[in-house]
Protein backbone atom coordinates (compact mmCIF):
# COMPACT_ATOMS: atom_id res chain seq x y z
CA UNK A 1 245.34 261.85 100.22
CA UNK A 2 241.85 261.56 99.32
CA UNK A 3 238.95 264.31 98.39
CA UNK A 4 237.83 263.71 101.58
CA UNK A 5 241.10 264.78 102.96
CA UNK A 6 241.56 267.65 100.37
CA UNK A 7 238.60 269.36 101.42
CA UNK A 8 237.93 273.12 102.87
CA UNK A 9 237.79 273.17 106.32
CA UNK A 10 234.69 273.63 107.53
CA UNK A 11 233.64 277.78 108.25
CA UNK A 12 231.25 279.17 111.40
CA UNK A 13 228.16 277.02 110.66
CA UNK A 14 230.00 273.89 110.39
CA UNK A 15 229.41 273.07 106.63
CA UNK A 16 231.67 271.57 103.91
CA UNK A 17 232.32 272.53 101.07
CA UNK A 18 234.33 269.82 99.31
CA UNK A 19 236.00 271.09 95.99
CA UNK A 20 238.52 268.72 95.05
CA UNK A 21 237.93 265.10 93.13
CA UNK A 22 234.04 265.14 93.66
CA UNK A 23 231.48 266.84 90.98
CA UNK A 24 229.56 270.45 91.75
CA UNK A 25 226.38 268.60 92.36
CA UNK A 26 227.79 266.35 94.24
CA UNK A 27 229.15 269.45 96.58
CA UNK A 28 225.75 270.74 96.24
CA UNK A 29 224.22 267.91 97.37
CA UNK A 30 226.13 267.66 101.15
CA UNK A 31 225.10 271.37 101.42
CA UNK A 32 221.69 270.52 100.69
CA UNK A 33 221.85 267.64 103.49
CA UNK A 34 223.55 269.69 105.95
CA UNK A 35 221.63 273.26 105.62
CA UNK A 36 217.98 272.43 104.70
CA UNK A 37 216.92 271.80 108.24
CA UNK A 38 218.30 275.11 109.49
CA UNK A 39 217.14 277.04 105.63
CA UNK A 40 213.36 274.75 106.97
CA UNK A 41 213.34 277.11 110.34
CA UNK A 42 215.08 280.31 109.37
CA UNK A 43 212.01 279.75 107.04
CA UNK A 44 209.11 278.76 109.39
CA UNK A 45 210.44 281.94 111.80
CA UNK A 46 210.19 283.89 108.70
CA UNK A 47 206.50 283.46 107.06
CA UNK A 48 205.35 281.14 110.31
CA UNK A 49 203.87 278.77 107.33
CA UNK A 50 205.40 275.19 107.24
CA UNK A 51 204.02 274.87 104.12
CA UNK A 52 204.95 278.49 102.50
CA UNK A 53 208.43 277.87 103.91
CA UNK A 54 208.65 274.60 102.53
CA UNK A 55 208.29 276.07 99.12
CA UNK A 56 210.77 279.10 99.73
CA UNK A 57 213.31 276.61 100.77
CA UNK A 58 212.66 274.64 97.75
CA UNK A 59 213.26 277.79 95.69
CA UNK A 60 216.19 278.75 97.72
CA UNK A 61 217.97 275.82 97.25
CA UNK A 62 217.37 275.58 93.27
CA UNK A 63 218.53 279.36 93.20
CA UNK A 64 221.61 278.46 94.72
CA UNK A 65 222.35 275.53 92.59
CA UNK A 66 221.91 277.82 89.71
CA UNK A 67 223.96 279.95 91.06
CA UNK A 68 226.29 277.45 92.53
CA UNK A 69 229.60 278.45 91.52
CA UNK A 70 229.62 282.09 92.81
CA UNK A 71 227.63 280.96 95.85
CA UNK A 72 230.45 278.08 96.75
CA UNK A 73 233.26 280.97 96.40
CA UNK A 74 232.06 282.24 99.97
CA UNK A 75 229.82 281.08 102.27
CA UNK A 76 226.80 278.87 100.61
CA UNK A 77 224.73 278.76 103.84
CA UNK A 78 224.64 283.23 103.47
CA UNK A 79 224.07 282.83 100.10
CA UNK A 80 221.35 280.44 100.59
CA UNK A 81 219.58 282.41 103.30
CA UNK A 82 219.72 286.07 101.57
CA UNK A 83 218.08 284.02 98.64
CA UNK A 84 215.32 282.86 101.18
CA UNK A 85 214.74 286.62 102.56
CA UNK A 86 214.21 287.79 100.01
CA UNK A 87 211.65 285.21 98.58
CA UNK A 88 209.85 285.68 101.60
CA UNK A 89 209.94 289.27 100.59
CA UNK A 90 209.13 288.87 96.90
CA UNK A 91 205.80 286.23 97.99
CA UNK A 92 204.80 289.34 100.86
CA UNK A 93 204.95 291.77 97.61
CA UNK A 94 202.67 290.10 96.02
CA UNK A 95 200.08 289.18 98.34
CA UNK A 96 200.55 292.07 100.43
CA UNK A 97 199.01 290.80 103.96
CA UNK A 98 199.77 288.52 106.29
CA UNK A 99 197.86 285.21 106.63
CA UNK A 100 198.87 283.74 110.07
CA UNK A 101 197.87 280.67 111.15
CA UNK A 102 197.78 278.00 113.65
CA UNK A 103 200.96 277.41 113.30
CA UNK A 104 201.56 273.14 113.72
CA UNK A 105 205.47 272.53 115.05
CA UNK A 106 208.50 273.80 114.83
CA UNK A 107 211.22 272.34 112.28
CA UNK A 108 213.37 269.66 114.19
CA UNK A 109 215.71 270.21 117.01
CA UNK A 110 212.78 272.09 118.61
CA UNK A 111 212.43 271.82 122.59
CA UNK A 112 209.08 270.14 124.06
CA UNK A 113 207.37 271.81 126.84
CA UNK A 114 204.14 270.72 127.15
CA UNK A 115 201.73 271.89 123.63
CA UNK A 116 199.79 274.21 125.41
CA UNK A 117 202.68 276.01 126.18
CA UNK A 118 204.04 275.28 123.51
CA UNK A 119 201.59 276.47 120.71
CA UNK A 120 200.93 279.53 123.14
CA UNK A 121 203.97 281.05 123.41
CA UNK A 122 204.66 280.29 119.53
CA UNK A 123 201.31 281.61 118.47
CA UNK A 124 202.82 285.19 120.49
CA UNK A 125 205.79 284.99 118.67
CA UNK A 126 204.40 284.85 115.25
CA UNK A 127 202.14 287.34 116.04
CA UNK A 128 204.56 289.70 117.47
CA UNK A 129 207.00 289.44 114.53
CA UNK A 130 203.58 290.82 112.33
CA UNK A 131 203.70 293.35 113.41
CA UNK A 132 206.88 294.41 112.66
CA UNK A 133 208.28 295.74 108.76
CA UNK A 134 209.79 293.07 106.37
CA UNK A 135 212.81 295.26 107.27
CA UNK A 136 212.97 294.53 111.03
CA UNK A 137 211.38 291.16 111.13
CA UNK A 138 214.38 289.33 109.04
CA UNK A 139 217.22 290.67 110.92
CA UNK A 140 215.55 289.98 114.28
CA UNK A 141 214.36 286.14 112.65
CA UNK A 142 218.20 286.01 112.13
CA UNK A 143 219.95 288.01 114.61
CA UNK A 144 217.86 286.45 117.05
CA UNK A 145 216.48 283.78 116.19
CA UNK A 146 218.65 282.01 114.21
CA UNK A 147 221.26 283.42 116.17
CA UNK A 148 223.64 284.95 113.41
CA UNK A 149 226.08 287.71 114.45
CA UNK A 150 225.49 291.55 113.58
CA UNK A 151 228.63 291.15 111.27
CA UNK A 152 226.66 287.92 108.68
CA UNK A 153 223.79 289.77 109.54
CA UNK A 154 225.00 292.27 107.49
CA UNK A 155 226.23 290.12 104.89
CA UNK A 156 223.34 288.55 104.57
CA UNK A 157 221.35 290.84 103.74
CA UNK A 158 223.48 292.97 102.73
CA UNK A 159 223.46 296.13 104.14
CA UNK A 160 225.37 297.92 106.41
CA UNK A 161 226.35 297.00 110.53
CA UNK A 162 224.79 300.29 111.69
CA UNK A 163 221.73 299.61 110.00
CA UNK A 164 221.24 296.06 111.78
CA UNK A 165 222.18 297.52 115.11
CA UNK A 166 219.60 300.11 114.99
CA UNK A 167 217.36 298.06 113.10
CA UNK A 168 217.32 295.08 115.65
CA UNK A 169 217.02 297.30 118.57
CA UNK A 170 213.59 299.08 117.30
CA UNK A 171 212.47 295.26 115.84
CA UNK A 172 213.15 294.45 119.26
CA UNK A 173 211.43 297.46 121.45
CA UNK A 174 208.10 297.21 119.56
CA UNK A 175 208.64 293.37 120.34
CA UNK A 176 208.97 293.80 123.61
CA UNK A 177 206.00 296.35 124.08
CA UNK A 178 203.63 294.01 121.92
CA UNK A 179 204.62 291.01 124.26
CA UNK A 180 204.47 292.93 127.17
CA UNK A 181 200.86 294.32 126.49
CA UNK A 182 199.94 290.29 125.03
CA UNK A 183 200.69 289.26 129.43
CA UNK A 184 199.47 292.54 130.90
CA UNK A 185 196.19 291.75 128.86
CA UNK A 186 196.58 288.00 130.09
CA UNK A 187 197.24 288.94 133.40
CA UNK A 188 194.40 291.06 133.53
CA UNK A 189 191.78 288.58 132.07
CA UNK A 190 192.84 286.50 134.51
CA UNK A 191 192.00 288.30 137.59
CA UNK A 192 188.15 288.73 136.71
């Protein structure tokens, strides 16, 4: 039996941590290679800035590596996502303002429509997400844009399942209100 045959089965997200016959550095390298694209997309959705997202992913992966012995025992992707979300909050607290920039492109794997439609929709979504509180944004992004279950979000953020449900509900209601008002404004602008 080889080390690859003795690997742990993949978790729900398809990430595998190989524990037999490899060093921690090799384990982490394999994890990082698989998890970096998903973390980059999550970081971009949390902040709306490609360069800041890259920075946050680097910092989250660094902290995950430094705590690899602990992170690998449970769900290393959840550990890295939570670290990423906490780093975003720390960054926001230091700056205490949101700066919206024209996003250039989603991380790889995004569907392509016409460039104008794509940019307009993304800009509208980023602006709507900026109206949410930090907690609401984290929960809505992880739940509805990253696609985690309510239980996974609760576990990742260290909050109760009820908190995730109520916060997501309030956040989505606010997004509907903001996006609905934006749609009403664009319809009225075209009718003039």
